PDB file of N, CA and C in Angstrom:
ATOM      1  N   MET A   1       0.800  -1.358   0.000  1.00  0.00           N
ATOM      2  CA  MET A   1       0.050  -0.070   0.105  1.00  0.00           C
ATOM      3  C   MET A   1       0.836   1.108  -0.212  1.00  0.00           C
ATOM      4  N   LEU A   2       2.100   1.372   1.001  1.00  0.00           N
ATOM      5  CA  LEU A   2       2.725   2.553   1.087  1.00  0.00           C
ATOM      6  C   LEU A   2       3.318   2.783  -0.748  1.00  0.00           C
ATOM      7  N   THR A   3       4.193   1.690  -0.873  1.00  0.00           N
ATOM      8  CA  THR A   3       4.397   1.635  -1.811  1.00  0.00           C
ATOM      9  C   THR A   3       3.427   2.610  -3.350  1.00  0.00           C
ATOM     10  N   GLY A   4       2.027   2.115  -3.007  1.00  0.00           N
ATOM     11  CA  GLY A   4       1.320   2.805  -3.728  1.00  0.00           C
ATOM     12  C   GLY A   4       1.008   4.287  -4.107  1.00  0.00           C
ATOM     13  N   ASN A   5       1.192   4.600  -3.646  1.00  0.00           N
ATOM     14  CA  ASN A   5       0.820   5.672  -2.523  1.00  0.00           C
ATOM     15  C   ASN A   5       1.631   6.593  -3.068  1.00  0.00           C
ATOM     16  N   ILE A   6       3.198   5.682  -2.945  1.00  0.00           N
ATOM     17  CA  ILE A   6       4.562   6.508  -2.561  1.00  0.00           C
ATOM     18  C   ILE A   6       4.615   6.961  -4.805  1.00  0.00           C
ATOM     19  N   GLN A   7       4.316   5.940  -4.920  1.00  0.00           N
ATOM     20  CA  GLN A   7       4.124   6.128  -6.796  1.00  0.00           C
ATOM     21  C   GLN A   7       3.058   7.593  -6.886  1.00  0.00           C
ATOM     22  N   PHE A   8       1.367   7.754  -7.053  1.00  0.00           N
ATOM     23  CA  PHE A   8       0.976   8.318  -6.815  1.00  0.00           C
ATOM     24  C   PHE A   8       1.680   8.800  -6.620  1.00  0.00           C
ATOM     25  N   CYS A   9       1.927   9.650  -5.368  1.00  0.00           N
ATOM     26  CA  CYS A   9       2.736  11.197  -4.900  1.00  0.00           C
ATOM     27  C   CYS A   9       3.472  11.602  -6.135  1.00  0.00           C
ATOM     28  N   THR A  10       4.247  10.832  -6.463  1.00  0.00           N
ATOM     29  CA  THR A  10       5.366  11.033  -6.982  1.00  0.00           C
ATOM     30  C   THR A  10       4.727  11.368  -8.673  1.00  0.00           C
ATOM     31  N   ALA A  11       3.783  10.588  -8.913  1.00  0.00           N
ATOM     32  CA  ALA A  11       3.461  10.971 -10.482  1.00  0.00           C
ATOM     33  C   ALA A  11       2.300  12.655 -10.836  1.00  0.00           C
ATOM     34  N   VAL A  12       1.340  11.945  -9.317  1.00  0.00           N
ATOM     35  CA  VAL A  12       0.947  13.738  -9.143  1.00  0.00           C
ATOM     36  C   VAL A  12       1.985  14.619  -8.852  1.00  0.00           C
ATOM     37  N   GLY A  13       3.450  14.591  -8.894  1.00  0.00           N
ATOM     38  CA  GLY A  13       3.980  15.984  -9.012  1.00  0.00           C
ATOM     39  C   GLY A  13       4.766  15.948 -10.475  1.00  0.00           C
ATOM     40  N   ARG A  14       4.358  15.181 -10.900  1.00  0.00           N
ATOM     41  CA  ARG A  14       4.710  14.887 -12.702  1.00  0.00           C
ATOM     42  C   ARG A  14       3.738  15.497 -13.652  1.00  0.00           C
ATOM     43  N   LEU A  15       2.497  16.095 -12.438  1.00  0.00           N
ATOM     44  CA  LEU A  15       1.589  16.861 -13.305  1.00  0.00           C
ATOM     45  C   LEU A  15       1.917  18.347 -13.525  1.00  0.00           C
ATOM     46  N   SER A  16       1.020  19.020 -14.564  1.00  0.00           N
ATOM     47  CA  SER A  16       1.663  20.613 -14.401  1.00  0.00           C
ATOM     48  C   SER A  16       0.991  20.730 -13.475  1.00  0.00           C
ATOM     49  N   GLU A  17       1.951  22.046 -13.159  1.00  0.00           N
ATOM     50  CA  GLU A  17       0.590  22.815 -12.257  1.00  0.00           C
ATOM     51  C   GLU A  17      -0.179  23.257 -11.939  1.00  0.00           C
ATOM     52  N   ARG A  18      -1.358  23.365 -12.890  1.00  0.00           N
ATOM     53  CA  ARG A  18      -2.275  23.069 -12.836  1.00  0.00           C
ATOM     54  C   ARG A  18      -3.006  22.242 -12.433  1.00  0.00           C
ATOM     55  N   GLN A  19      -2.895  21.169 -13.296  1.00  0.00           N
ATOM     56  CA  GLN A  19      -3.272  19.856 -13.188  1.00  0.00           C
ATOM     57  C   GLN A  19      -3.625  19.606 -11.154  1.00  0.00           C
ATOM     58  N   ARG A  20      -2.012  19.401 -11.557  1.00  0.00           N
ATOM     59  CA  ARG A  20      -1.735  18.969  -9.230  1.00  0.00           C
ATOM     60  C   ARG A  20      -2.406  20.263  -8.942  1.00  0.00           C
ATOM     61  N   ASP A  21      -2.136  21.297  -8.393  1.00  0.00           N
ATOM     62  CA  ASP A  21      -2.876  22.113  -8.047  1.00  0.00           C
ATOM     63  C   ASP A  21      -4.924  21.845  -7.667  1.00  0.00           C
ATOM     64  N   ALA A  22      -5.820  21.577  -8.773  1.00  0.00           N
ATOM     65  CA  ALA A  22      -6.686  20.944  -8.963  1.00  0.00           C
ATOM     66  C   ALA A  22      -6.530  19.119  -8.735  1.00  0.00           C
ATOM     67  N   VAL A  23      -5.663  18.893  -8.541  1.00  0.00           N
ATOM     68  CA  VAL A  23      -5.834  17.571  -7.892  1.00  0.00           C
ATOM     69  C   VAL A  23      -6.001  17.863  -6.835  1.00  0.00           C
ATOM     70  N   ILE A  24      -4.577  18.437  -6.362  1.00  0.00           N
ATOM     71  CA  ILE A  24      -4.928  18.359  -4.867  1.00  0.00           C
ATOM     72  C   ILE A  24      -6.135  19.029  -4.398  1.00  0.00           C
ATOM     73  N   LEU A  25      -6.579  20.294  -4.983  1.00  0.00           N
ATOM     74  CA  LEU A  25      -8.056  20.427  -3.822  1.00  0.00           C
ATOM     75  C   LEU A  25      -9.117  19.947  -3.870  1.00  0.00           C
ATOM     76  N   ARG A  26      -9.672  19.284  -5.544  1.00  0.00           N
ATOM     77  CA  ARG A  26     -10.817  18.722  -4.905  1.00  0.00           C
ATOM     78  C   ARG A  26     -10.549  16.578  -4.856  1.00  0.00           C
ATOM     79  N   TYR A  27      -9.512  16.573  -4.482  1.00  0.00           N
ATOM     80  CA  TYR A  27      -9.182  15.121  -3.862  1.00  0.00           C
ATOM     81  C   TYR A  27      -7.982  15.223  -2.773  1.00  0.00           C
ATOM     82  N   GLY A  28      -7.161  15.996  -2.661  1.00  0.00           N
ATOM     83  CA  GLY A  28      -6.894  16.150  -1.394  1.00  0.00           C
ATOM     84  C   GLY A  28      -7.605  16.447  -0.747  1.00  0.00           C
ATOM     85  N   LEU A  29      -7.690  17.424  -0.898  1.00  0.00           N
ATOM     86  CA  LEU A  29      -8.074  18.465   0.211  1.00  0.00           C
ATOM     87  C   LEU A  29      -9.914  18.350   0.441  1.00  0.00           C
ATOM     88  N   ASP A  30     -10.505  17.811  -0.212  1.00  0.00           N
ATOM     89  CA  ASP A  30     -11.768  17.622  -0.673  1.00  0.00           C
ATOM     90  C   ASP A  30     -12.850  18.729  -1.128  1.00  0.00           C
ATOM     91  N   CYS A  31     -12.340  19.545  -1.552  1.00  0.00           N
ATOM     92  CA  CYS A  31     -13.308  20.959  -1.882  1.00  0.00           C
ATOM     93  C   CYS A  31     -14.088  20.650  -3.115  1.00  0.00           C
ATOM     94  N   THR A  32     -14.865  21.562  -3.951  1.00  0.00           N
ATOM     95  CA  THR A  32     -16.314  21.007  -4.920  1.00  0.00           C
ATOM     96  C   THR A  32     -15.179  21.509  -6.362  1.00  0.00           C
ATOM     97  N   THR A  33     -15.497  21.550  -6.978  1.00  0.00           N
ATOM     98  CA  THR A  33     -15.242  21.739  -8.423  1.00  0.00           C
ATOM     99  C   THR A  33     -15.366  22.969  -8.024  1.00  0.00           C
ATOM    100  N   LYS A  34     -16.733  23.797  -7.339  1.00  0.00           N
ATOM    101  CA  LYS A  34     -17.357  25.392  -7.505  1.00  0.00           C
ATOM    102  C   LYS A  34     -15.718  25.858  -6.202  1.00  0.00           C
ATOM    103  N   GLU A  35     -15.449  25.453  -5.297  1.00  0.00           N
ATOM    104  CA  GLU A  35     -15.073  26.152  -4.374  1.00  0.00           C
ATOM    105  C   GLU A  35     -13.106  25.672  -5.156  1.00  0.00           C
ATOM    106  N   ALA A  36     -12.848  24.788  -6.004  1.00  0.00           N
ATOM    107  CA  ALA A  36     -11.399  24.225  -6.312  1.00  0.00           C
ATOM    108  C   ALA A  36     -11.031  25.655  -7.478  1.00  0.00           C
ATOM    109  N   ALA A  37     -12.283  26.003  -8.013  1.00  0.00           N
ATOM    110  CA  ALA A  37     -12.510  27.102  -8.933  1.00  0.00           C
ATOM    111  C   ALA A  37     -12.056  28.444  -8.270  1.00  0.00           C
ATOM    112  N   ALA A  38     -12.426  29.074  -7.312  1.00  0.00           N
ATOM    113  CA  ALA A  38     -13.112  30.333  -6.793  1.00  0.00           C
ATOM    114  C   ALA A  38     -11.349  30.514  -6.042  1.00  0.00           C
ATOM    115  N   VAL A  39     -11.281  29.247  -5.763  1.00  0.00           N
ATOM    116  CA  VAL A  39      -9.480  29.489  -5.039  1.00  0.00           C
ATOM    117  C   VAL A  39      -8.000  29.494  -5.909  1.00  0.00           C
ATOM    118  N   MET A  40      -8.944  29.093  -6.848  1.00  0.00           N
ATOM    119  CA  MET A  40      -7.549  29.065  -9.200  1.00  0.00           C
ATOM    120  C   MET A  40      -7.931  30.142  -9.220  1.00  0.00           C
ATOM    121  N   GLY A  41      -8.956  30.213  -9.445  1.00  0.00           N
ATOM    122  CA  GLY A  41      -9.669  32.149  -9.783  1.00  0.00           C
ATOM    123  C   GLY A  41      -9.809  31.462 -11.410  1.00  0.00           C
ATOM    124  N   VAL A  42     -10.635  31.029 -11.532  1.00  0.00           N
ATOM    125  CA  VAL A  42     -10.845  29.659 -12.720  1.00  0.00           C
ATOM    126  C   VAL A  42     -12.598  29.244 -12.542  1.00  0.00           C
ATOM    127  N   GLU A  43     -13.279  29.381 -13.732  1.00  0.00           N
ATOM    128  CA  GLU A  43     -14.344  28.804 -13.980  1.00  0.00           C
ATOM    129  C   GLU A  43     -14.221  27.617 -13.896  1.00  0.00           C
ATOM    130  N   GLU A  44     -15.642  26.710 -13.283  1.00  0.00           N
ATOM    131  CA  GLU A  44     -15.764  25.233 -13.363  1.00  0.00           C
ATOM    132  C   GLU A  44     -15.237  24.308 -14.161  1.00  0.00           C
ATOM    133  N   ALA A  45     -15.768  25.218 -15.263  1.00  0.00           N
ATOM    134  CA  ALA A  45     -15.233  23.954 -16.526  1.00  0.00           C
ATOM    135  C   ALA A  45     -13.804  23.865 -16.825  1.00  0.00           C
ATOM    136  N   THR A  46     -13.299  25.230 -15.948  1.00  0.00           N
ATOM    137  CA  THR A  46     -11.928  24.396 -16.428  1.00  0.00           C
ATOM    138  C   THR A  46     -11.090  23.561 -15.653  1.00  0.00           C
ATOM    139  N   ILE A  47     -11.957  23.574 -14.123  1.00  0.00           N
ATOM    140  CA  ILE A  47     -10.922  22.786 -12.990  1.00  0.00           C
ATOM    141  C   ILE A  47     -11.919  21.312 -13.265  1.00  0.00           C
ATOM    142  N   ARG A  48     -12.852  20.882 -14.287  1.00  0.00           N
ATOM    143  CA  ARG A  48     -13.058  20.478 -14.595  1.00  0.00           C
ATOM    144  C   ARG A  48     -12.279  19.292 -15.392  1.00  0.00           C
ATOM    145  N   SER A  49     -12.275  20.107 -16.815  1.00  0.00           N
ATOM    146  CA  SER A  49     -11.325  20.512 -17.586  1.00  0.00           C
ATOM    147  C   SER A  49      -9.496  19.655 -16.889  1.00  0.00           C
ATOM    148  N   HIS A  50      -8.571  20.730 -16.269  1.00  0.00           N
ATOM    149  CA  HIS A  50      -7.608  20.107 -15.237  1.00  0.00           C
ATOM    150  C   HIS A  50      -8.156  18.797 -15.085  1.00  0.00           C
ATOM    151  N   LEU A  51      -9.002  18.285 -14.163  1.00  0.00           N
ATOM    152  CA  LEU A  51      -8.903  17.128 -13.707  1.00  0.00           C
ATOM    153  C   LEU A  51      -8.790  16.455 -14.628  1.00  0.00           C
ATOM    154  N   SER A  52      -9.663  15.865 -15.744  1.00  0.00           N
ATOM    155  CA  SER A  52     -10.045  14.972 -16.721  1.00  0.00           C
ATOM    156  C   SER A  52      -8.743  14.852 -17.519  1.00  0.00           C
ATOM    157  N   GLN A  53      -7.444  15.986 -18.166  1.00  0.00           N
ATOM    158  CA  GLN A  53      -6.714  15.911 -18.410  1.00  0.00           C
ATOM    159  C   GLN A  53      -5.478  15.210 -17.349  1.00  0.00           C
ATOM    160  N   ALA A  54      -5.473  15.387 -16.041  1.00  0.00           N
ATOM    161  CA  ALA A  54      -4.713  15.084 -15.341  1.00  0.00           C
ATOM    162  C   ALA A  54      -4.832  13.751 -14.709  1.00  0.00           C
ATOM    163  N   CYS A  55      -6.580  13.363 -14.816  1.00  0.00           N
ATOM    164  CA  CYS A  55      -6.888  11.893 -14.788  1.00  0.00           C
ATOM    165  C   CYS A  55      -5.977  10.418 -15.750  1.00  0.00           C
ATOM    166  N   ARG A  56      -6.076  11.534 -16.968  1.00  0.00           N
ATOM    167  CA  ARG A  56      -5.679  10.950 -18.250  1.00  0.00           C
ATOM    168  C   ARG A  56      -3.748  10.675 -18.555  1.00  0.00           C
ATOM    169  N   ARG A  57      -3.830  11.635 -17.605  1.00  0.00           N
ATOM    170  CA  ARG A  57      -2.625  11.711 -17.627  1.00  0.00           C
ATOM    171  C   ARG A  57      -1.361  11.438 -16.411  1.00  0.00           C
ATOM    172  N   LEU A  58      -1.963  10.552 -14.779  1.00  0.00           N
ATOM    173  CA  LEU A  58      -1.805  10.236 -13.950  1.00  0.00           C
ATOM    174  C   LEU A  58      -1.953   8.468 -14.362  1.00  0.00           C
ATOM    175  N   ALA A  59      -3.306   8.109 -15.578  1.00  0.00           N
ATOM    176  CA  ALA A  59      -3.163   7.051 -15.857  1.00  0.00           C
ATOM    177  C   ALA A  59      -1.920   6.252 -16.409  1.00  0.00           C
ATOM    178  N   GLN A  60      -1.894   7.272 -17.814  1.00  0.00           N
ATOM    179  CA  GLN A  60      -0.378   6.813 -17.754  1.00  0.00           C
ATOM    180  C   GLN A  60       1.206   7.033 -17.408  1.00  0.00           C
ATOM    181  N   LEU A  61       0.551   7.666 -15.937  1.00  0.00           N
ATOM    182  CA  LEU A  61       1.896   7.842 -15.587  1.00  0.00           C
ATOM    183  C   LEU A  61       2.402   6.090 -14.862  1.00  0.00           C
ATOM    184  N   LEU A  62       1.184   6.099 -13.886  1.00  0.00           N
ATOM    185  CA  LEU A  62       0.437   4.826 -13.542  1.00  0.00           C
ATOM    186  C   LEU A  62       0.509   3.704 -13.788  1.00  0.00           C
ATOM    187  N   ASP A  63       0.110   3.165 -15.612  1.00  0.00           N
ATOM    188  CA  ASP A  63       0.413   2.648 -16.947  1.00  0.00           C
ATOM    189  C   ASP A  63      -1.033   1.548 -16.167  1.00  0.00           C
ATOM    190  N   VAL A  64      -2.596   2.620 -15.800  1.00  0.00           N
ATOM    191  CA  VAL A  64      -3.405   1.576 -15.907  1.00  0.00           C
ATOM    192  C   VAL A  64      -4.214   1.941 -16.699  1.00  0.00           C
ATOM    193  N   PRO A  65      -5.109   1.626 -16.685  1.00  0.00           N
ATOM    194  CA  PRO A  65      -6.221   1.750 -17.936  1.00  0.00           C
ATOM    195  C   PRO A  65      -7.242   3.181 -17.440  1.00  0.00           C
ATOM    196  N   ALA A  66      -7.568   3.809 -18.608  1.00  0.00           N
ATOM    197  CA  ALA A  66      -8.477   4.806 -17.551  1.00  0.00           C
ATOM    198  C   ALA A  66      -9.498   4.895 -18.034  1.00  0.00           C
ATOM    199  N   LYS A  67     -10.539   5.466 -16.885  1.00  0.00           N
ATOM    200  CA  LYS A  67     -11.980   5.763 -17.161  1.00  0.00           C
ATOM    201  C   LYS A  67     -12.827   6.407 -18.384  1.00  0.00           C
ATOM    202  N   PRO A  68     -13.576   5.611 -18.931  1.00  0.00           N
ATOM    203  CA  PRO A  68     -13.994   6.383 -20.213  1.00  0.00           C
ATOM    204  C   PRO A  68     -14.382   7.305 -20.059  1.00  0.00           C
ATOM    205  N   SER A  69     -14.935   9.109 -20.305  1.00  0.00           N
ATOM    206  CA  SER A  69     -15.399  10.048 -20.505  1.00  0.00           C
ATOM    207  C   SER A  69     -16.878   9.500 -19.741  1.00  0.00           C
ATOM    208  N   GLY A  70     -17.348  10.133 -18.734  1.00  0.00           N
ATOM    209  CA  GLY A  70     -17.848   9.505 -17.783  1.00  0.00           C
ATOM    210  C   GLY A  70     -18.740   9.253 -17.420  1.00  0.00           C
ATOM    211  N   GLU A  71     -18.203   8.020 -17.488  1.00  0.00           N
ATOM    212  CA  GLU A  71     -17.921   5.851 -16.092  1.00  0.00           C
ATOM    213  C   GLU A  71     -17.788   6.858 -14.491  1.00  0.00           C
ATOM    214  N   GLY A  72     -18.286   7.035 -14.151  1.00  0.00           N
ATOM    215  CA  GLY A  72     -19.257   6.769 -12.878  1.00  0.00           C
ATOM    216  C   GLY A  72     -19.266   7.649 -12.551  1.00  0.00           C
ATOM    217  N   LYS A  73     -20.391   8.733 -13.082  1.00  0.00           N
ATOM    218  CA  LYS A  73     -20.795  10.175 -13.149  1.00  0.00           C
ATOM    219  C   LYS A  73     -22.373   9.557 -12.719  1.00  0.00           C
ATOM    220  N   ALA A  74     -23.116  10.127 -11.341  1.00  0.00           N
ATOM    221  CA  ALA A  74     -24.644   9.841 -10.877  1.00  0.00           C
ATOM    222  C   ALA A  74     -25.599   9.918 -12.990  1.00  0.00           C
ATOM    223  N   HIS A  75     -25.721   9.617 -13.044  1.00  0.00           N
ATOM    224  CA  HIS A  75     -27.133   9.613 -13.794  1.00  0.00           C
ATOM    225  C   HIS A  75     -29.084  10.079 -13.523  1.00  0.00           C
ATOM    226  N   SER A  76     -29.321  10.973 -14.064  1.00  0.00           N
ATOM    227  CA  SER A  76     -30.055  11.515 -13.584  1.00  0.00           C
ATOM    228  C   SER A  76     -31.663  11.241 -13.943  1.00  0.00           C
TER     229      SER A  76
END
């Protein structure tokens, strides 16, 4: 488990600054996309874009399949 956490943290460190900030705010600090957008001074859509790009990059870096777009979202 510790090795996986270290690999994940290393991979997060290799993201672009904006992607890393979005990931840390959203998942590390459990901010909503609205809160993360306010902190970063951008639109919520920009946060969603940064997170999507970060997830694809992390999947590459960690050699795991990325979730297809929209997977895991609740349907209304």
